[in-house]
Amino acid sequence: MATGDVLEPEQPAQGWHAASWRQRPAGQQPLWPDDEALKRVEAQLAGLPPMVFAGEARRLTASLAAVSSGKAFLLQAGDCAESFGEFSADSIRDKLKVILQMAVALTYAAGVPVVKVGRIAGQFAKPRSSDTEEIGGVRLDAFRGHMVNDEAFDPEARRPDPERLITAYHQSVSTLNLLRAFTKGGFADLSQVHAWNQEFVLSSSEGRRYETVAGEIDRALRFMAACGIDLGAEDGLHQVDFWTSHEALILPYEEALTRQDSLTGDWVDCSAHMLWVGERTRQLDGAHVEFLSGVINPLGAKLGPSATPDDVVALCARLDPDRTPGRLTLITRFGAGRVEELLPPLLDAVRAEGHPVVWQCDPMHGNTFTSDGGRKTRRFDDILAELRSFFAVHRGAGTWPGGVHVELTGDNVTECLGGAEEIFEDDLDQRYTTTCDPRLNARQSLDLAFRIAELLRA
């Protein structure tokens, strides 16, 4: 939408259009109690300005094309589910800070650009294994994220409310505006981000193992300055491209924010730069795949242990029939002990069909378990083990381990076990604030980034 204009032609009777998903089975959708209220909200969203534009989506696709050919690396990170309650400039800044710190370490280790994509500015909905939840003999609707309802175990709080879609839109707009200001206004300055990493190295007993990498980055910056390169005048050292993404789960929201590019006629989901379909909603004949097949945004697809080579090849054909580099990212989430068994057949099948996908590892979801105290958690060592297997399999296959997909926060939470500052099960209740799945805290995230850097250097 280079001009900012939006076309709204009549929907065709056949073929893809923004509402064609409605003719397919749609899983993971709330049971909205008031259809007329939902329709009013959809109409209101359809009249609001887009958050992203077609040109931005194409630029991200081009960056991901470099990842698919082994010339860049993808870091996708952020909250499991964003919260209406924990929304502030400080929380957005701290999350961005951690991602930027991780990206610097990965850039130096890989020797290629790192594409930075946040699970942010729209990640308000979560799929659930059951439509309901029961506590003490009381059964209520499951919590589906703040875009739909509230986590409080109360009948009114759990009632799906379409007005929350409007709140999610406005919070996403505010978040995206702040991210653009931070990443283009000096907050992402390379020297500053490197200084933050040095603080981590010096202040953490685990971080000291990374003194070599941190020292090499420091020497590289001094070398450039000594060669007469004016570091202060290089825009690339002071600002970065930062993209947004979320799971395209609540389809009325995604449809309402889909616009047609006034120059090309392409359809763009203007709620985020990148969207993904989840493990629970990637059915070939389902509504989510139908919707995503028609927008030009770069897409991701989560693949769990049930994904077969035939499934994945068919999904590639459905979401990227033209084999466009950067269009499709396959995000594996197998669990630490199953990567070497499950990943090689998928690599072989996709490569044989010539699909230029990005291969990305989500080491979080396959390693989730419930602690003795009833908290969902993940072990840092399991997360690292899945990543090590992911890299090893790609190395053996001669393919590029294109990226990582992690859930994290800039806050000092105690939700995942282990890491740079050992967290034990008895510590989980100290600062367990996630509205859904457990996240790595800032120090655990940096610890993980430096360990991935070691894998990349190898």
Protein backbone atom coordinates (compact mmCIF):
# COMPACT_ATOMS: atom_id res chain seq x y z
CA MET A 1 0.00 0.00 0.00
CA ALA A 2 2.60 2.48 -1.04
CA THR A 3 0.01 5.22 -1.46
CA GLY A 4 -1.90 4.36 1.69
CA ASP A 5 -5.10 4.01 -0.33
CA VAL A 6 -7.29 0.96 0.14
CA LEU A 7 -9.46 -0.69 -2.48
CA GLU A 8 -12.64 -2.39 -1.40
CA PRO A 9 -14.02 -4.21 -4.43
CA GLU A 10 -16.94 -6.56 -4.16
CA GLN A 11 -15.95 -9.99 -2.94
CA PRO A 12 -15.81 -12.56 -5.76
CA ALA A 13 -18.28 -15.41 -5.60
CA GLN A 14 -15.53 -18.00 -6.12
CA GLY A 15 -11.83 -18.21 -5.40
CA TRP A 16 -9.95 -16.70 -2.51
CA HIS A 17 -11.20 -13.60 -0.74
CA ALA A 18 -10.75 -12.32 2.78
CA ALA A 19 -13.91 -14.09 3.99
CA SER A 20 -13.46 -17.39 2.11
CA TRP A 21 -12.22 -19.02 5.32
CA ARG A 22 -15.81 -18.89 6.57
CA GLN A 23 -16.67 -21.76 4.23
CA ARG A 24 -14.12 -24.03 5.96
CA PRO A 25 -14.06 -25.69 9.41
CA ALA A 26 -12.51 -23.20 11.82
CA GLY A 27 -10.97 -24.59 14.98
CA GLN A 28 -9.96 -22.69 18.10
CA GLN A 29 -12.59 -19.97 17.63
CA PRO A 30 -14.40 -18.56 20.66
CA LEU A 31 -18.13 -19.11 21.02
CA TRP A 32 -19.07 -15.43 20.85
CA PRO A 33 -22.32 -14.98 22.79
CA ASP A 34 -23.60 -12.09 20.67
CA ASP A 35 -23.24 -12.38 16.88
CA GLU A 36 -24.53 -8.85 16.26
CA ALA A 37 -21.95 -7.38 18.67
CA LEU A 38 -19.20 -9.29 16.85
CA LYS A 39 -20.40 -7.98 13.48
CA ARG A 40 -20.34 -4.38 14.78
CA VAL A 41 -16.77 -4.86 16.00
CA GLU A 42 -15.71 -6.41 12.69
CA ALA A 43 -17.14 -3.42 10.82
CA GLN A 44 -15.35 -1.02 13.15
CA LEU A 45 -12.02 -2.81 12.69
CA ALA A 46 -12.48 -2.84 8.92
CA GLY A 47 -12.68 0.96 8.97
CA LEU A 48 -9.57 1.52 11.09
CA PRO A 49 -6.15 2.33 9.56
CA PRO A 50 -3.81 -0.55 8.73
CA MET A 51 -0.92 -1.21 11.10
CA VAL A 52 1.51 -2.40 8.43
CA PHE A 53 1.71 -1.97 4.68
CA ALA A 54 2.30 -4.17 1.66
CA GLY A 55 5.77 -2.74 1.04
CA GLU A 56 6.85 -3.68 4.56
CA ALA A 57 5.60 -7.24 4.14
CA ARG A 58 7.54 -7.55 0.88
CA ARG A 59 10.71 -6.21 2.52
CA LEU A 60 10.46 -8.80 5.28
CA THR A 61 9.92 -11.53 2.67
CA ALA A 62 13.12 -10.39 0.94
CA SER A 63 15.02 -10.53 4.24
CA LEU A 64 13.69 -14.02 4.93
CA ALA A 65 14.69 -15.07 1.42
CA ALA A 66 18.28 -14.40 2.51
CA VAL A 67 17.66 -16.66 5.52
CA SER A 68 16.36 -19.46 3.29
CA SER A 69 19.59 -19.35 1.26
CA GLY A 70 21.86 -19.37 4.31
CA LYS A 71 22.81 -15.70 4.05
CA ALA A 72 20.97 -14.51 7.17
CA PHE A 73 19.56 -15.86 10.45
CA LEU A 74 16.07 -15.40 11.93
CA LEU A 75 15.51 -14.48 15.57
CA GLN A 76 11.81 -14.51 16.47
CA ALA A 77 11.06 -13.81 20.12
CA GLY A 78 8.62 -12.29 22.57
CA ASP A 79 5.77 -13.03 24.92
CA CYS A 80 3.82 -16.26 24.91
CA ALA A 81 0.72 -14.07 25.05
CA GLU A 82 0.64 -10.31 25.43
CA SER A 83 -1.36 -8.89 28.30
CA PHE A 84 -3.75 -5.97 28.58
CA GLY A 85 -2.71 -5.57 32.22
CA GLU A 86 1.08 -5.57 31.77
CA PHE A 87 1.31 -2.86 29.12
CA SER A 88 3.81 -0.06 29.50
CA ALA A 89 6.61 1.67 27.63
CA ASP A 90 9.09 0.13 30.06
CA SER A 91 7.95 -3.44 29.41
CA ILE A 92 8.09 -2.95 25.63
CA ARG A 93 11.53 -1.33 25.91
CA ASP A 94 12.93 -4.10 28.12
CA LYS A 95 11.65 -6.84 25.82
CA LEU A 96 13.13 -5.10 22.78
CA LYS A 97 16.42 -4.58 24.63
CA VAL A 98 16.82 -8.31 25.26
CA ILE A 99 16.04 -9.18 21.62
CA LEU A 100 18.57 -6.60 20.38
CA GLN A 101 21.21 -7.96 22.73
CA MET A 102 20.58 -11.49 21.51
CA ALA A 103 20.75 -10.34 17.89
CA VAL A 104 24.16 -8.70 18.30
CA ALA A 105 25.70 -11.87 19.72
CA LEU A 106 24.12 -13.98 16.96
CA THR A 107 25.16 -11.56 14.19
CA TYR A 108 28.79 -11.67 15.23
CA ALA A 109 28.81 -15.44 15.65
CA ALA A 110 27.06 -16.23 12.37
CA GLY A 111 28.77 -13.55 10.31
CA VAL A 112 25.45 -12.84 8.58
CA PRO A 113 22.60 -10.39 9.25
CA VAL A 114 20.02 -11.36 11.87
CA VAL A 115 16.38 -10.75 10.93
CA LYS A 116 14.61 -9.56 14.09
CA VAL A 117 10.93 -10.47 14.41
CA GLY A 118 8.97 -9.95 17.62
CA ARG A 119 6.05 -11.96 18.96
CA ILE A 120 4.55 -8.59 19.75
CA ALA A 121 1.92 -6.00 18.81
CA GLY A 122 -0.79 -8.60 18.21
CA GLN A 123 0.06 -11.82 20.09
CA PHE A 124 -3.05 -11.68 22.29
CA ALA A 125 -4.73 -15.01 21.55
CA LYS A 126 -3.76 -18.60 22.41
CA PRO A 127 -5.04 -21.98 21.22
CA ARG A 128 -6.28 -24.31 23.95
CA SER A 129 -6.40 -28.07 24.26
CA SER A 130 -9.94 -27.87 25.71
CA ASP A 131 -12.81 -25.41 25.22
CA THR A 132 -13.46 -25.39 28.97
CA GLU A 133 -11.59 -25.42 32.26
CA GLU A 134 -12.77 -26.96 35.52
CA ILE A 135 -11.69 -25.94 39.03
CA GLY A 136 -13.35 -27.23 42.19
CA GLY A 137 -16.25 -28.70 40.26
CA VAL A 138 -16.95 -25.42 38.44
CA ARG A 139 -16.59 -25.49 34.64
CA LEU A 140 -16.05 -22.29 32.64
CA ASP A 141 -14.87 -21.27 29.17
CA ALA A 142 -11.11 -21.70 28.75
CA PHE A 143 -8.93 -18.60 28.83
CA ARG A 144 -8.05 -17.84 25.21
CA GLY A 145 -5.93 -14.72 25.66
CA HIS A 146 -6.86 -11.14 26.40
CA MET A 147 -8.12 -10.62 22.87
CA VAL A 148 -11.01 -12.92 23.79
CA ASN A 149 -11.54 -13.05 27.58
CA ASP A 150 -9.76 -12.72 30.94
CA GLU A 151 -7.75 -15.29 32.91
CA ALA A 152 -9.70 -14.70 36.15
CA PHE A 153 -11.73 -17.82 36.96
CA ASP A 154 -15.08 -16.06 36.96
CA PRO A 155 -18.09 -16.54 34.64
CA GLU A 156 -18.15 -12.91 33.52
CA ALA A 157 -14.36 -12.73 33.03
CA ARG A 158 -14.36 -15.88 30.92
CA ARG A 159 -17.23 -14.70 28.72
CA PRO A 160 -15.82 -13.94 25.23
CA ASP A 161 -16.20 -10.23 24.52
CA PRO A 162 -15.71 -8.94 20.95
CA GLU A 163 -14.93 -5.44 22.26
CA ARG A 164 -11.59 -6.91 23.32
CA LEU A 165 -10.66 -7.11 19.63
CA ILE A 166 -10.79 -3.31 19.51
CA THR A 167 -8.63 -3.05 22.63
CA ALA A 168 -6.11 -5.46 21.08
CA TYR A 169 -5.95 -3.33 17.95
CA HIS A 170 -5.29 -0.09 19.82
CA GLN A 171 -2.69 -1.65 22.11
CA SER A 172 -0.97 -3.17 19.07
CA VAL A 173 -0.88 0.23 17.34
CA SER A 174 0.64 1.88 20.42
CA THR A 175 3.20 -0.91 20.77
CA LEU A 176 4.19 -0.77 17.11
CA ASN A 177 4.58 3.01 17.20
CA LEU A 178 6.89 2.75 20.20
CA LEU A 179 8.92 -0.05 18.60
CA ARG A 180 9.44 2.07 15.49
CA ALA A 181 10.56 5.02 17.61
CA PHE A 182 13.01 2.89 19.59
CA THR A 183 14.54 1.04 16.63
CA LYS A 184 14.93 4.13 14.46
CA GLY A 185 15.65 6.72 17.17
CA GLY A 186 18.97 5.55 18.62
CA PHE A 187 17.92 2.97 21.21
CA ALA A 188 19.25 0.19 18.94
CA ASP A 189 22.72 1.77 18.63
CA LEU A 190 25.24 -1.08 18.25
CA SER A 191 27.74 0.35 20.74
CA GLN A 192 25.04 0.70 23.37
CA VAL A 193 23.69 -2.81 22.83
CA HIS A 194 27.23 -4.19 23.04
CA ALA A 195 27.73 -2.34 26.32
CA TRP A 196 24.60 -4.01 27.71
CA ASN A 197 26.02 -7.41 26.74
CA GLN A 198 29.29 -6.59 28.44
CA GLU A 199 27.35 -5.82 31.62
CA PHE A 200 25.75 -9.27 31.40
CA VAL A 201 29.13 -10.92 30.95
CA LEU A 202 30.65 -9.12 33.93
CA SER A 203 27.67 -9.44 36.28
CA SER A 204 26.84 -13.11 35.74
CA SER A 205 28.90 -16.10 36.77
CA GLU A 206 27.55 -18.01 33.77
CA GLY A 207 28.06 -14.99 31.53
CA ARG A 208 31.81 -15.01 32.03
CA ARG A 209 32.12 -17.98 29.69
CA TYR A 210 31.20 -15.56 26.91
CA GLU A 211 34.01 -13.08 27.57
CA THR A 212 35.78 -14.26 24.41
CA VAL A 213 32.85 -13.47 22.11
CA ALA A 214 32.17 -10.14 23.85
CA GLY A 215 35.86 -9.26 23.63
CA GLU A 216 35.97 -10.06 19.91
CA ILE A 217 32.99 -7.78 19.24
CA ASP A 218 34.68 -5.03 21.21
CA ARG A 219 37.90 -5.41 19.20
CA ALA A 220 35.93 -5.38 15.94
CA LEU A 221 34.34 -2.04 16.86
CA ARG A 222 37.73 -0.59 17.80
CA PHE A 223 39.21 -1.90 14.55
CA MET A 224 36.55 -0.17 12.45
CA ALA A 225 37.16 3.09 14.29
CA ALA A 226 40.92 2.75 13.83
CA CYS A 227 40.42 2.24 10.08
CA GLY A 228 38.76 5.64 9.89
CA ILE A 229 35.17 4.41 9.74
CA ASP A 230 32.99 7.03 11.39
CA LEU A 231 30.83 4.81 13.58
CA GLY A 232 28.67 7.78 14.49
CA ALA A 233 27.76 8.42 10.86
CA GLU A 234 26.82 4.86 9.91
CA ASP A 235 23.01 4.58 10.06
CA GLY A 236 23.24 0.80 10.03
CA LEU A 237 24.97 0.91 13.42
CA HIS A 238 22.31 3.09 15.06
CA GLN A 239 19.00 1.79 13.78
CA VAL A 240 17.56 -1.59 12.83
CA ASP A 241 14.57 -3.09 11.09
CA PHE A 242 12.26 -4.77 13.58
CA TRP A 243 9.21 -6.69 12.44
CA THR A 244 6.05 -7.84 14.22
CA SER A 245 4.35 -11.23 14.14
CA HIS A 246 1.64 -13.26 15.84
CA GLU A 247 -0.36 -16.42 15.39
CA ALA A 248 -3.28 -15.72 13.06
CA LEU A 249 -5.76 -17.40 15.35
CA ILE A 250 -8.92 -15.28 15.76
CA LEU A 251 -10.00 -15.13 12.15
CA PRO A 252 -12.68 -12.40 12.32
CA TYR A 253 -9.94 -10.04 13.59
CA GLU A 254 -7.53 -11.03 10.80
CA GLU A 255 -10.19 -10.72 8.10
CA ALA A 256 -11.26 -7.28 9.30
CA LEU A 257 -7.67 -6.02 9.11
CA THR A 258 -6.98 -7.42 5.64
CA ARG A 259 -6.64 -4.79 2.94
CA GLN A 260 -5.96 -4.75 -0.80
CA ASP A 261 -2.81 -3.04 -2.05
CA SER A 262 -3.93 -0.13 -4.22
CA LEU A 263 -0.96 -0.56 -6.59
CA THR A 264 -0.84 -4.32 -7.15
CA GLY A 265 -4.19 -5.67 -6.00
CA ASP A 266 -2.43 -8.03 -3.59
CA TRP A 267 -4.19 -8.81 -0.32
CA VAL A 268 -2.27 -8.03 2.88
CA ASP A 269 -3.14 -8.86 6.46
CA CYS A 270 -2.30 -5.48 7.97
CA SER A 271 -2.37 -6.70 11.59
CA ALA A 272 1.32 -7.75 11.47
CA HIS A 273 4.27 -8.12 9.14
CA MET A 274 4.46 -11.91 9.58
CA LEU A 275 1.79 -14.42 10.61
CA TRP A 276 1.90 -18.08 11.49
CA VAL A 277 -0.49 -21.01 11.65
CA GLY A 278 -0.29 -23.19 14.73
CA GLU A 279 0.16 -26.90 15.24
CA ARG A 280 -3.54 -27.19 16.15
CA THR A 281 -4.86 -25.21 13.16
CA ARG A 282 -2.66 -26.22 10.20
CA GLN A 283 -5.22 -28.59 8.61
CA LEU A 284 -5.03 -28.30 4.81
CA ASP A 285 -8.81 -28.01 4.46
CA GLY A 286 -9.17 -25.77 7.50
CA ALA A 287 -10.11 -22.12 7.77
CA HIS A 288 -6.71 -20.89 8.99
CA VAL A 289 -4.74 -22.33 6.09
CA GLU A 290 -7.41 -21.09 3.68
CA PHE A 291 -7.13 -17.54 5.03
CA LEU A 292 -3.33 -17.40 5.09
CA SER A 293 -3.02 -18.86 1.59
CA GLY A 294 -4.40 -15.65 0.10
CA VAL A 295 -2.38 -12.90 1.82
CA ILE A 296 1.13 -11.89 0.70
CA ASN A 297 2.59 -11.62 4.21
CA PRO A 298 5.48 -13.97 4.95
CA LEU A 299 4.07 -16.95 6.82
CA GLY A 300 5.15 -19.48 9.42
CA ALA A 301 3.78 -22.93 10.18
CA LYS A 302 4.32 -24.74 13.48
CA LEU A 303 5.17 -28.43 13.11
CA GLY A 304 4.85 -30.80 16.06
CA PRO A 305 5.67 -34.51 16.37
CA SER A 306 2.56 -35.51 14.42
CA ALA A 307 3.74 -33.76 11.23
CA THR A 308 4.61 -36.28 8.50
CA PRO A 309 6.67 -35.58 5.36
CA ASP A 310 3.49 -35.78 3.25
CA ASP A 311 1.74 -33.32 5.60
CA VAL A 312 4.57 -30.82 5.37
CA VAL A 313 5.02 -31.04 1.60
CA ALA A 314 1.27 -30.55 1.13
CA LEU A 315 1.32 -27.57 3.49
CA CYS A 316 4.20 -26.04 1.52
CA ALA A 317 2.25 -26.50 -1.71
CA ARG A 318 -0.83 -24.88 -0.17
CA LEU A 319 0.89 -21.87 1.41
CA ASP A 320 3.70 -21.35 -1.09
CA PRO A 321 2.65 -22.84 -4.44
CA ASP A 322 4.99 -20.51 -6.37
CA ARG A 323 8.03 -21.52 -4.28
CA THR A 324 8.86 -17.94 -3.36
CA PRO A 325 12.01 -17.66 -1.21
CA GLY A 326 11.16 -16.10 2.15
CA ARG A 327 7.44 -16.75 1.87
CA LEU A 328 7.27 -19.74 4.24
CA THR A 329 9.05 -20.54 7.50
CA LEU A 330 8.67 -24.05 8.93
CA ILE A 331 8.90 -23.90 12.72
CA THR A 332 9.68 -27.28 14.30
CA ARG A 333 8.65 -28.00 17.90
CA PHE A 334 9.41 -31.65 18.58
CA GLY A 335 10.88 -31.81 22.09
CA ALA A 336 14.50 -32.35 23.03
CA GLY A 337 14.55 -36.11 22.54
CA ARG A 338 12.82 -36.39 19.16
CA VAL A 339 14.56 -33.98 16.77
CA GLU A 340 17.05 -36.48 15.38
CA GLU A 341 14.20 -38.91 14.68
CA LEU A 342 11.62 -36.53 13.22
CA LEU A 343 13.47 -33.72 11.47
CA PRO A 344 15.59 -35.56 8.82
CA PRO A 345 12.60 -37.01 6.89
CA LEU A 346 11.02 -33.56 6.73
CA LEU A 347 14.24 -31.97 5.46
CA ASP A 348 14.56 -34.61 2.77
CA ALA A 349 10.94 -34.33 1.62
CA VAL A 350 10.86 -30.53 1.45
CA ARG A 351 14.22 -30.35 -0.32
CA ALA A 352 13.13 -33.00 -2.85
CA GLU A 353 10.10 -30.86 -3.76
CA GLY A 354 12.23 -27.73 -4.18
CA HIS A 355 10.52 -25.54 -1.60
CA PRO A 356 12.91 -22.72 -0.50
CA VAL A 357 11.68 -22.58 3.10
CA VAL A 358 13.28 -21.15 6.23
CA TRP A 359 13.86 -23.86 8.84
CA GLN A 360 13.36 -22.52 12.36
CA CYS A 361 13.48 -24.25 15.74
CA ASP A 362 10.95 -23.56 18.48
CA PRO A 363 12.66 -25.28 21.44
CA MET A 364 10.02 -24.14 23.95
CA HIS A 365 6.68 -25.83 23.28
CA GLY A 366 7.87 -29.41 22.98
CA ASN A 367 9.60 -29.18 26.36
CA THR A 368 6.76 -27.92 28.55
CA PHE A 369 5.72 -29.88 31.63
CA THR A 370 3.87 -29.28 34.90
CA SER A 371 5.96 -29.00 38.06
CA ASP A 372 5.10 -30.76 41.31
CA GLY A 373 3.64 -27.44 42.47
CA GLY A 374 1.23 -27.29 39.53
CA ARG A 375 3.07 -24.66 37.47
CA LYS A 376 3.72 -25.13 33.76
CA THR A 377 7.45 -24.75 33.21
CA ARG A 378 10.39 -25.61 30.95
CA ARG A 379 13.97 -26.61 31.70
CA PHE A 380 16.68 -24.45 30.16
CA ASP A 381 18.76 -27.57 29.55
CA ASP A 382 15.93 -29.17 27.53
CA ILE A 383 15.56 -26.02 25.45
CA LEU A 384 19.29 -26.02 24.74
CA ALA A 385 19.28 -29.76 23.98
CA GLU A 386 16.59 -29.33 21.30
CA LEU A 387 18.58 -26.52 19.71
CA ARG A 388 21.77 -28.58 19.70
CA SER A 389 19.96 -31.45 17.97
CA PHE A 390 18.40 -29.04 15.47
CA PHE A 391 21.81 -27.66 14.52
CA ALA A 392 23.39 -31.12 14.39
CA VAL A 393 20.71 -32.52 12.06
CA HIS A 394 21.03 -29.57 9.68
CA ARG A 395 24.80 -29.87 9.72
CA GLY A 396 24.51 -33.52 8.80
CA ALA A 397 22.00 -32.83 6.04
CA GLY A 398 23.91 -29.90 4.59
CA THR A 399 20.98 -27.55 5.17
CA TRP A 400 20.91 -24.19 6.95
CA PRO A 401 19.51 -24.01 10.52
CA GLY A 402 17.80 -20.77 9.71
CA GLY A 403 16.51 -19.48 13.02
CA VAL A 404 15.13 -19.80 16.52
CA HIS A 405 11.68 -19.02 17.90
CA VAL A 406 11.56 -18.40 21.66
CA GLU A 407 9.18 -17.06 24.28
CA LEU A 408 10.83 -14.50 26.54
CA THR A 409 10.34 -11.35 28.55
CA GLY A 410 12.58 -8.53 29.67
CA ASP A 411 11.28 -8.94 33.22
CA ASN A 412 13.05 -10.84 35.98
CA VAL A 413 10.49 -13.65 36.10
CA THR A 414 10.91 -17.15 37.52
CA GLU A 415 9.00 -19.28 35.03
CA CYS A 416 11.62 -21.54 33.39
CA LEU A 417 14.08 -23.70 35.33
CA GLY A 418 17.86 -23.35 35.18
CA GLY A 419 19.83 -20.95 33.04
CA ALA A 420 22.40 -18.27 33.85
CA GLU A 421 21.08 -17.82 37.38
CA GLU A 422 19.80 -21.21 38.48
CA ILE A 423 16.04 -21.30 39.05
CA PHE A 424 14.66 -24.32 40.91
CA GLU A 425 11.10 -25.59 41.18
CA ASP A 426 10.78 -24.02 44.62
CA ASP A 427 11.52 -20.64 43.01
CA LEU A 428 8.70 -20.73 40.46
CA ASP A 429 6.13 -19.01 42.68
CA GLN A 430 8.39 -16.01 43.36
CA ARG A 431 7.71 -14.15 40.09
CA TYR A 432 5.46 -16.29 37.90
CA THR A 433 3.47 -13.69 35.95
CA THR A 434 2.76 -15.15 32.51
CA THR A 435 -0.88 -15.31 31.43
CA CYS A 436 -0.22 -18.56 29.58
CA ASP A 437 3.05 -20.44 28.98
CA PRO A 438 6.37 -19.97 30.85
CA ARG A 439 8.94 -17.56 29.38
CA LEU A 440 12.68 -17.16 29.64
CA ASN A 441 13.72 -14.13 31.67
CA ALA A 442 16.26 -11.59 30.42
CA ARG A 443 19.35 -13.38 31.77
CA GLN A 444 18.20 -16.78 30.58
CA SER A 445 17.53 -15.30 27.13
CA LEU A 446 21.02 -13.82 26.89
CA ASP A 447 22.55 -17.05 28.14
CA LEU A 448 20.66 -18.89 25.39
CA ALA A 449 21.77 -16.37 22.73
CA PHE A 450 25.45 -16.84 23.55
CA ARG A 451 25.04 -20.62 23.51
CA ILE A 452 23.35 -20.42 20.10
CA ALA A 453 26.25 -18.21 19.04
CA GLU A 454 28.61 -21.03 19.97
CA LEU A 455 26.55 -23.44 17.84
CA LEU A 456 26.68 -21.03 14.90
CA ARG A 457 30.45 -20.59 15.23
CA ALA A 458 30.85 -24.37 15.19
